[in-house]
Amino acid sequence: MFSLRGDIVPAIDLAVLLGLPRTEIGDDSRIVVVDSKSGTIGIVVDRLRDLRALESALEAVPPNITPSVAALLEGVVATPTGTVRVLDARAIFAAEPLRALAGTQSTHEEGTSP
């Protein structure tokens, strides 16, 4: 959790969603804020190289990517510096760890235990 302009926002570790070890927080770590109709979340990442507008159409997620990770991607695109995997914000909001967190929060807000 972190405070964003006075609002408390949940933060999730992208590495955990992708099945990787927890992110070691360091000088390059960032929280990427994602707003959607479902709400606002912060995604903890180990580093953020840059933000870019993609002008190419997205290609399908390659079949060699683990299904649980592929479910979080909207697609991939080739760029001059390499392949970029594009996250699907809706899928991240719907990911099981976030649904579990949302259930825990609403249970605590109602004053009952999970």
C-alpha atoms as a PDB file:
ATOM      1  CA  MET A   1       0.000   0.000   0.000  1.00  0.00           C
ATOM      2  CA  PHE A   2       1.097   3.552  -0.655  1.00  0.00           C
ATOM      3  CA  SER A   3      -0.427   7.015  -0.575  1.00  0.00           C
ATOM      4  CA  LEU A   4      -1.134   8.668  -3.921  1.00  0.00           C
ATOM      5  CA  ARG A   5      -2.389  12.225  -3.598  1.00  0.00           C
ATOM      6  CA  GLY A   6      -4.038  11.312  -0.300  1.00  0.00           C
ATOM      7  CA  ASP A   7      -5.610   8.051  -1.537  1.00  0.00           C
ATOM      8  CA  ILE A   8      -4.395   4.695  -0.248  1.00  0.00           C
ATOM      9  CA  VAL A   9      -3.529   2.495  -3.245  1.00  0.00           C
ATOM     10  CA  PRO A  10      -2.620  -1.213  -3.181  1.00  0.00           C
ATOM     11  CA  ALA A  11       0.741  -2.105  -4.680  1.00  0.00           C
ATOM     12  CA  ILE A  12       1.528  -5.494  -6.163  1.00  0.00           C
ATOM     13  CA  ASP A  13       4.853  -6.978  -7.154  1.00  0.00           C
ATOM     14  CA  LEU A  14       4.828  -7.680 -10.903  1.00  0.00           C
ATOM     15  CA  ALA A  15       7.507 -10.346 -10.449  1.00  0.00           C
ATOM     16  CA  VAL A  16       5.215 -12.370  -8.191  1.00  0.00           C
ATOM     17  CA  LEU A  17       2.385 -12.169 -10.738  1.00  0.00           C
ATOM     18  CA  LEU A  18       4.809 -13.414 -13.384  1.00  0.00           C
ATOM     19  CA  GLY A  19       5.906 -16.349 -11.216  1.00  0.00           C
ATOM     20  CA  LEU A  20       9.322 -14.890 -10.416  1.00  0.00           C
ATOM     21  CA  PRO A  21      10.983 -14.264  -7.019  1.00  0.00           C
ATOM     22  CA  ARG A  22       9.876 -11.130  -5.178  1.00  0.00           C
ATOM     23  CA  THR A  23      11.404  -7.874  -6.385  1.00  0.00           C
ATOM     24  CA  GLU A  24      14.376  -6.729  -4.354  1.00  0.00           C
ATOM     25  CA  ILE A  25      13.678  -3.046  -3.774  1.00  0.00           C
ATOM     26  CA  GLY A  26      16.612  -0.895  -4.813  1.00  0.00           C
ATOM     27  CA  ASP A  27      17.491   2.500  -6.263  1.00  0.00           C
ATOM     28  CA  ASP A  28      16.076   1.545  -9.684  1.00  0.00           C
ATOM     29  CA  SER A  29      12.770   0.173  -8.334  1.00  0.00           C
ATOM     30  CA  ARG A  30       9.619   2.015  -9.315  1.00  0.00           C
ATOM     31  CA  ILE A  31       5.879   1.872  -8.761  1.00  0.00           C
ATOM     32  CA  VAL A  32       3.944   2.134 -12.010  1.00  0.00           C
ATOM     33  CA  VAL A  33       0.428   3.448 -11.335  1.00  0.00           C
ATOM     34  CA  VAL A  34      -2.332   1.886 -13.430  1.00  0.00           C
ATOM     35  CA  ASP A  35      -5.789   3.456 -13.551  1.00  0.00           C
ATOM     36  CA  SER A  36      -8.720   1.572 -15.018  1.00  0.00           C
ATOM     37  CA  LYS A  37     -12.464   1.280 -14.605  1.00  0.00           C
ATOM     38  CA  SER A  38     -11.731  -1.379 -11.980  1.00  0.00           C
ATOM     39  CA  GLY A  39      -9.700   1.010  -9.840  1.00  0.00           C
ATOM     40  CA  THR A  40      -6.128   2.106  -9.279  1.00  0.00           C
ATOM     41  CA  ILE A  41      -3.179  -0.105  -8.407  1.00  0.00           C
ATOM     42  CA  GLY A  42       0.550   0.324  -8.158  1.00  0.00           C
ATOM     43  CA  ILE A  43       2.774  -2.244  -9.802  1.00  0.00           C
ATOM     44  CA  VAL A  44       6.222  -2.622  -8.233  1.00  0.00           C
ATOM     45  CA  VAL A  45       8.906  -3.196 -10.866  1.00  0.00           C
ATOM     46  CA  ASP A  46      12.645  -3.705 -10.463  1.00  0.00           C
ATOM     47  CA  ARG A  47      13.388  -0.990 -13.019  1.00  0.00           C
ATOM     48  CA  LEU A  48      11.741   1.085 -15.700  1.00  0.00           C
ATOM     49  CA  ARG A  49      13.854   1.630 -18.778  1.00  0.00           C
ATOM     50  CA  ASP A  50      11.538   3.972 -20.632  1.00  0.00           C
ATOM     51  CA  LEU A  51       7.983   4.589 -21.700  1.00  0.00           C
ATOM     52  CA  ARG A  52       7.159   4.407 -25.341  1.00  0.00           C
ATOM     53  CA  ALA A  53       4.250   4.717 -27.702  1.00  0.00           C
ATOM     54  CA  LEU A  54       4.035   1.638 -29.860  1.00  0.00           C
ATOM     55  CA  GLU A  55       3.224   2.332 -33.460  1.00  0.00           C
ATOM     56  CA  SER A  56       3.233  -1.273 -34.655  1.00  0.00           C
ATOM     57  CA  ALA A  57       0.295  -3.622 -34.270  1.00  0.00           C
ATOM     58  CA  LEU A  58       0.585  -6.147 -31.473  1.00  0.00           C
ATOM     59  CA  GLU A  59       1.383  -9.723 -32.368  1.00  0.00           C
ATOM     60  CA  ALA A  60      -0.018 -12.700 -30.501  1.00  0.00           C
ATOM     61  CA  VAL A  61       1.798 -13.888 -27.405  1.00  0.00           C
ATOM     62  CA  PRO A  62       4.279 -16.612 -28.442  1.00  0.00           C
ATOM     63  CA  PRO A  63       3.298 -20.168 -27.444  1.00  0.00           C
ATOM     64  CA  ASN A  64       6.561 -20.673 -25.517  1.00  0.00           C
ATOM     65  CA  ILE A  65       5.439 -18.223 -22.796  1.00  0.00           C
ATOM     66  CA  THR A  66       3.975 -19.859 -19.701  1.00  0.00           C
ATOM     67  CA  PRO A  67       0.145 -19.773 -19.830  1.00  0.00           C
ATOM     68  CA  SER A  68      -0.126 -17.949 -16.474  1.00  0.00           C
ATOM     69  CA  VAL A  69       2.180 -15.205 -17.806  1.00  0.00           C
ATOM     70  CA  ALA A  70       0.558 -15.177 -21.257  1.00  0.00           C
ATOM     71  CA  ALA A  71      -2.789 -14.493 -19.553  1.00  0.00           C
ATOM     72  CA  LEU A  72      -1.356 -11.179 -18.271  1.00  0.00           C
ATOM     73  CA  LEU A  73      -0.144 -10.025 -21.700  1.00  0.00           C
ATOM     74  CA  GLU A  74      -2.049  -8.211 -24.394  1.00  0.00           C
ATOM     75  CA  GLY A  75       0.571  -9.122 -26.978  1.00  0.00           C
ATOM     76  CA  VAL A  76       4.142  -8.524 -28.107  1.00  0.00           C
ATOM     77  CA  VAL A  77       5.751  -6.151 -30.557  1.00  0.00           C
ATOM     78  CA  ALA A  78       9.207  -6.093 -32.121  1.00  0.00           C
ATOM     79  CA  THR A  79      11.130  -2.835 -31.715  1.00  0.00           C
ATOM     80  CA  PRO A  80      14.630  -1.785 -32.806  1.00  0.00           C
ATOM     81  CA  THR A  81      15.881  -2.549 -29.285  1.00  0.00           C
ATOM     82  CA  GLY A  82      14.153  -5.913 -28.870  1.00  0.00           C
ATOM     83  CA  THR A  83      10.808  -7.540 -28.234  1.00  0.00           C
ATOM     84  CA  VAL A  84       8.425  -5.712 -25.917  1.00  0.00           C
ATOM     85  CA  ARG A  85       5.820  -7.645 -23.957  1.00  0.00           C
ATOM     86  CA  VAL A  86       2.721  -5.505 -23.483  1.00  0.00           C
ATOM     87  CA  LEU A  87       0.837  -6.050 -20.241  1.00  0.00           C
ATOM     88  CA  ASP A  88      -2.959  -6.219 -20.226  1.00  0.00           C
ATOM     89  CA  ALA A  89      -4.171  -3.933 -17.430  1.00  0.00           C
ATOM     90  CA  ARG A  90      -7.577  -5.664 -17.300  1.00  0.00           C
ATOM     91  CA  ALA A  91      -5.891  -9.033 -16.828  1.00  0.00           C
ATOM     92  CA  ILE A  92      -3.699  -7.677 -14.046  1.00  0.00           C
ATOM     93  CA  PHE A  93      -6.759  -6.321 -12.204  1.00  0.00           C
ATOM     94  CA  ALA A  94      -8.430  -9.719 -12.629  1.00  0.00           C
ATOM     95  CA  ALA A  95      -5.366 -11.723 -11.492  1.00  0.00           C
ATOM     96  CA  GLU A  96      -6.020 -14.070  -8.590  1.00  0.00           C
ATOM     97  CA  PRO A  97      -3.586 -12.357  -6.156  1.00  0.00           C
ATOM     98  CA  LEU A  98      -5.423  -9.059  -6.663  1.00  0.00           C
ATOM     99  CA  ARG A  99      -8.843 -10.662  -6.302  1.00  0.00           C
ATOM    100  CA  ALA A 100      -7.642 -12.255  -3.066  1.00  0.00           C
ATOM    101  CA  LEU A 101      -6.298  -8.903  -1.856  1.00  0.00           C
ATOM    102  CA  ALA A 102      -9.569  -7.156  -2.733  1.00  0.00           C
ATOM    103  CA  GLY A 103     -11.521  -9.831  -0.844  1.00  0.00           C
ATOM    104  CA  THR A 104      -9.299  -9.455   2.198  1.00  0.00           C
ATOM    105  CA  GLN A 105      -9.617  -5.677   2.155  1.00  0.00           C
ATOM    106  CA  SER A 106     -13.415  -5.717   1.859  1.00  0.00           C
ATOM    107  CA  THR A 107     -13.618  -8.292   4.669  1.00  0.00           C
ATOM    108  CA  HIS A 108     -11.441  -6.092   6.916  1.00  0.00           C
ATOM    109  CA  GLU A 109     -13.460  -3.000   5.996  1.00  0.00           C
ATOM    110  CA  GLU A 110     -16.664  -4.830   7.004  1.00  0.00           C
ATOM    111  CA  GLY A 111     -15.100  -5.665  10.374  1.00  0.00           C
ATOM    112  CA  THR A 112     -15.037  -9.430   9.956  1.00  0.00           C
ATOM    113  CA  SER A 113     -12.135 -11.788   9.634  1.00  0.00           C
ATOM    114  CA  PRO A 114     -11.446 -13.742   6.418  1.00  0.00           C
END
